[in-house]
Structures are given as C-alpha cells and as structure tokens.
Amino acid sequence: MTDKNSQNNNKTNSKTRIIKRRRKKKLVYSVIKWGVIVSTIGILLLTCTFGGLYFYISKGLPKIDTLQDYSPSTVTNVYSDDQRKIGEFYNQRRIVIPLSEMSTQLQNAFVAAEDSRFREHPGIDFFSIFRAMIKNLQAGTIVQGGSTITQQVAKSFFLTPDRTYK
C-alpha cells in the first residue's frame, strides 16, 4: 500500500511540476510577447514624433541648393581707354581668392582663431555650446559664443543678421 501511495504521490508531484513549468513558460512567453509589442509601439511613436517634428521645422528652412549658386558681391573695377584703373564700385570690398591659392598656414590660422575643435566635431560642437551656455549664465550676459565655423557659414548664407525670437 505504501508503494502505491508513494507512486500516486510521485505522479501527483510530477504532474504538479509539469503544470508549474507550463505556467512559468506561458508567463515568460507572455512577458516577452508584451515587451515586443510595447517596444514596437514605442519605436513607432518615437519615429512618428521625430518625423513630424523634422517636417514641421524643416518646411521653413531655405533650400541647400542655394549654396551651388553662391556668388558673393565683388568689386567692380572701372578702367579708362588706356586700361588704367580709374575707380571701384562695391557694397563690400571682397576679392574672391580660391582656397587652393591660400597657404595651409593661413587656413589653419583662420581655423584656430574661429573654431579650435574644428577637426574634432561633425559641424556642431555640443561641448562648446554647453561651455558657452555655462559661461553666459555665470556672467548674466553673453560673453562667449559656442558656434562652429560651419554654423557661422550657414548663418551668413541662410539667415539675416537680425536677432529675434519668433
């Protein structure tokens, strides 16, 4: 009789263990399934949010194609009949020199003066912007800028010198 009782107990314990394992597996699968569903929905929401934000912001930006058509105002020279220069007309006295005609030292001097970390960032230097923000907050006024050469060029090409909040 004891053998039968112990066999029945073993069968019952075995069935109980199997049921517990099945429940555990179902719980794990359920958690994984819902994790994947929630993650997918979260990624879709983030993608839609950033996509919408990008299109909202970018619709008011100028087209990058205008860079190809860039022609700075230059000096207009007036010559006499005998080819003597008798005058100049200009709004800004610019003489365009190709980059290939500038020495490497001159190029490096401009870079060092304007953006010492020029070759270390992709065009926006978040470290410099943060540093300038801290310095400006400490001083209570604008004492330092954090813009890069790339940002300065983009500003001069696409924006006016006006400082306004819109």
Protein backbone atom coordinates (compact mmCIF):
# COMPACT_ATOMS: atom_id res chain seq x y z
CA MET A 1 0.00 0.00 0.00
CA THR A 2 2.78 2.36 0.84
CA ASP A 3 4.27 1.72 -2.54
CA LYS A 4 1.01 2.64 -4.23
CA ASN A 5 0.67 5.79 -2.10
CA SER A 6 4.23 6.82 -2.86
CA GLN A 7 3.68 6.13 -6.59
CA ASN A 8 0.49 8.22 -6.51
CA ASN A 9 2.33 11.00 -4.65
CA ASN A 10 5.15 10.87 -7.20
CA LYS A 11 2.65 11.03 -10.06
CA THR A 12 0.88 13.94 -8.40
CA ASN A 13 4.16 15.73 -7.71
CA SER A 14 5.29 15.09 -11.26
CA LYS A 15 2.03 16.47 -12.68
CA THR A 16 2.25 19.49 -10.38
CA ARG A 17 5.82 20.19 -11.50
CA ILE A 18 4.82 19.90 -15.16
CA ILE A 19 1.89 22.26 -14.64
CA LYS A 20 4.13 24.75 -12.81
CA ARG A 21 6.70 24.61 -15.64
CA ARG A 22 3.99 25.16 -18.23
CA ARG A 23 2.64 28.16 -16.29
CA LYS A 24 6.16 29.56 -15.97
CA LYS A 25 6.76 29.13 -19.71
CA LYS A 26 3.44 30.79 -20.50
CA LEU A 27 4.31 33.68 -18.20
CA VAL A 28 7.77 34.12 -19.78
CA TYR A 29 6.33 33.98 -23.30
CA SER A 30 3.59 36.40 -22.32
CA VAL A 31 6.09 38.87 -20.84
CA ILE A 32 8.31 38.60 -23.93
CA LYS A 33 5.33 38.99 -26.27
CA TRP A 34 4.05 42.10 -24.49
CA GLY A 35 7.56 43.50 -24.24
CA VAL A 36 7.97 43.20 -28.00
CA ILE A 37 4.53 44.74 -28.63
CA VAL A 38 5.13 47.69 -26.28
CA SER A 39 8.65 48.25 -27.67
CA THR A 40 7.36 48.21 -31.25
CA ILE A 41 4.61 50.69 -30.44
CA GLY A 42 7.11 52.91 -28.59
CA ILE A 43 9.53 52.88 -31.51
CA LEU A 44 6.72 53.70 -33.95
CA LEU A 45 5.54 56.60 -31.75
CA LEU A 46 9.07 57.98 -31.43
CA THR A 47 9.65 57.67 -35.17
CA CYS A 48 6.38 59.47 -35.94
CA THR A 49 7.10 62.17 -33.36
CA PHE A 50 10.60 62.91 -34.62
CA GLY A 51 9.48 62.65 -38.25
CA GLY A 52 6.67 65.12 -37.66
CA LEU A 53 8.97 67.45 -35.74
CA TYR A 54 11.54 67.29 -38.54
CA PHE A 55 8.97 68.14 -41.23
CA TYR A 56 7.47 70.92 -39.10
CA ILE A 57 10.86 72.54 -38.53
CA SER A 58 12.32 71.92 -41.99
CA LYS A 59 9.46 73.41 -44.01
CA GLY A 60 10.61 76.93 -43.12
CA LEU A 61 14.29 76.34 -43.82
CA PRO A 62 15.97 77.55 -47.02
CA LYS A 63 16.94 75.02 -49.66
CA ILE A 64 20.53 73.77 -49.64
CA ASP A 65 20.67 74.14 -53.46
CA THR A 66 21.26 77.88 -52.99
CA LEU A 67 24.86 77.08 -51.99
CA GLN A 68 25.65 75.95 -55.53
CA ASP A 69 24.51 79.31 -56.93
CA TYR A 70 26.51 81.37 -54.43
CA SER A 71 28.15 84.40 -55.96
CA PRO A 72 29.38 86.93 -53.41
CA SER A 73 29.26 90.62 -54.19
CA THR A 74 32.65 91.61 -55.51
CA VAL A 75 34.43 94.80 -56.50
CA THR A 76 33.59 96.27 -59.88
CA ASN A 77 36.66 97.91 -61.41
CA VAL A 78 36.35 100.77 -63.92
CA TYR A 79 39.13 101.21 -66.48
CA SER A 80 39.96 104.04 -68.86
CA ASP A 81 40.52 103.64 -72.60
CA ASP A 82 44.21 103.07 -72.00
CA GLN A 83 43.43 100.27 -69.47
CA ARG A 84 44.27 102.31 -66.35
CA LYS A 85 42.13 101.63 -63.32
CA ILE A 86 40.18 104.79 -62.57
CA GLY A 87 37.66 103.62 -60.00
CA GLU A 88 35.97 100.88 -57.99
CA PHE A 89 32.35 100.25 -57.03
CA TYR A 90 31.31 97.87 -54.26
CA ASN A 91 28.97 97.31 -51.35
CA GLN A 92 31.55 95.18 -49.58
CA ARG A 93 35.14 95.18 -50.78
CA ARG A 94 35.56 91.46 -51.41
CA ILE A 95 38.21 89.92 -53.54
CA VAL A 96 37.49 86.23 -54.05
CA ILE A 97 40.57 84.01 -53.85
CA PRO A 98 40.31 80.26 -54.46
CA LEU A 99 41.15 78.09 -51.49
CA SER A 100 43.91 76.44 -53.48
CA GLU A 101 45.75 79.80 -53.64
CA MET A 102 45.71 80.24 -49.84
CA SER A 103 48.59 78.80 -47.87
CA THR A 104 47.89 75.97 -45.45
CA GLN A 105 49.21 78.15 -42.64
CA LEU A 106 46.64 80.86 -43.39
CA GLN A 107 43.84 78.28 -43.49
CA ASN A 108 45.00 76.81 -40.16
CA ALA A 109 45.24 80.30 -38.64
CA PHE A 110 41.58 81.02 -39.52
CA VAL A 111 40.51 77.65 -38.14
CA ALA A 112 42.50 78.13 -34.92
CA ALA A 113 41.05 81.61 -34.37
CA GLU A 114 37.43 80.67 -35.05
CA ASP A 115 37.00 77.03 -34.02
CA SER A 116 39.86 75.27 -32.25
CA ARG A 117 37.98 71.94 -32.25
CA PHE A 118 37.10 72.19 -35.99
CA ARG A 119 38.54 68.80 -36.93
CA GLU A 120 37.05 67.05 -33.89
CA HIS A 121 33.31 67.52 -34.50
CA PRO A 122 30.88 66.94 -37.39
CA GLY A 123 29.80 70.60 -37.70
CA ILE A 124 28.05 71.21 -34.40
CA ASP A 125 30.18 71.20 -31.27
CA PHE A 126 27.82 70.42 -28.40
CA PHE A 127 30.66 70.65 -25.88
CA SER A 128 31.44 74.25 -26.92
CA ILE A 129 27.77 75.21 -26.94
CA PHE A 130 27.34 73.82 -23.42
CA ARG A 131 30.55 75.53 -22.22
CA ALA A 132 29.40 78.89 -23.66
CA MET A 133 25.95 78.46 -22.09
CA ILE A 134 27.50 77.90 -18.64
CA LYS A 135 29.86 80.91 -19.03
CA ASN A 136 26.99 83.13 -20.22
CA LEU A 137 24.75 82.05 -17.34
CA GLN A 138 27.53 82.74 -14.83
CA ALA A 139 28.17 86.19 -16.30
CA GLY A 140 24.48 87.04 -16.69
CA THR A 141 25.08 88.22 -20.25
CA ILE A 142 26.52 86.89 -23.49
CA VAL A 143 30.30 86.74 -23.06
CA GLN A 144 31.11 83.71 -25.15
CA GLY A 145 29.81 82.02 -28.28
CA GLY A 146 29.75 78.33 -28.95
CA SER A 147 29.12 78.29 -32.67
CA THR A 148 31.41 76.48 -35.07
CA ILE A 149 32.73 77.69 -38.41
CA THR A 150 30.09 75.52 -40.06
CA GLN A 151 27.31 77.16 -38.05
CA GLN A 152 28.67 80.65 -38.78
CA VAL A 153 28.82 79.96 -42.52
CA ALA A 154 25.29 78.54 -42.50
CA LYS A 155 24.05 81.60 -40.60
CA SER A 156 25.69 84.03 -43.02
CA PHE A 157 24.34 82.18 -46.07
CA PHE A 158 20.80 81.46 -44.95
CA LEU A 159 19.85 83.97 -42.26
CA THR A 160 19.80 87.70 -41.72
CA PRO A 161 21.93 89.33 -39.02
CA ASP A 162 18.73 90.20 -37.09
CA ARG A 163 18.43 88.70 -33.62
CA THR A 164 14.78 87.94 -32.93
CA TYR A 165 12.63 85.26 -31.33
CA LYS A 166 9.70 84.10 -33.44
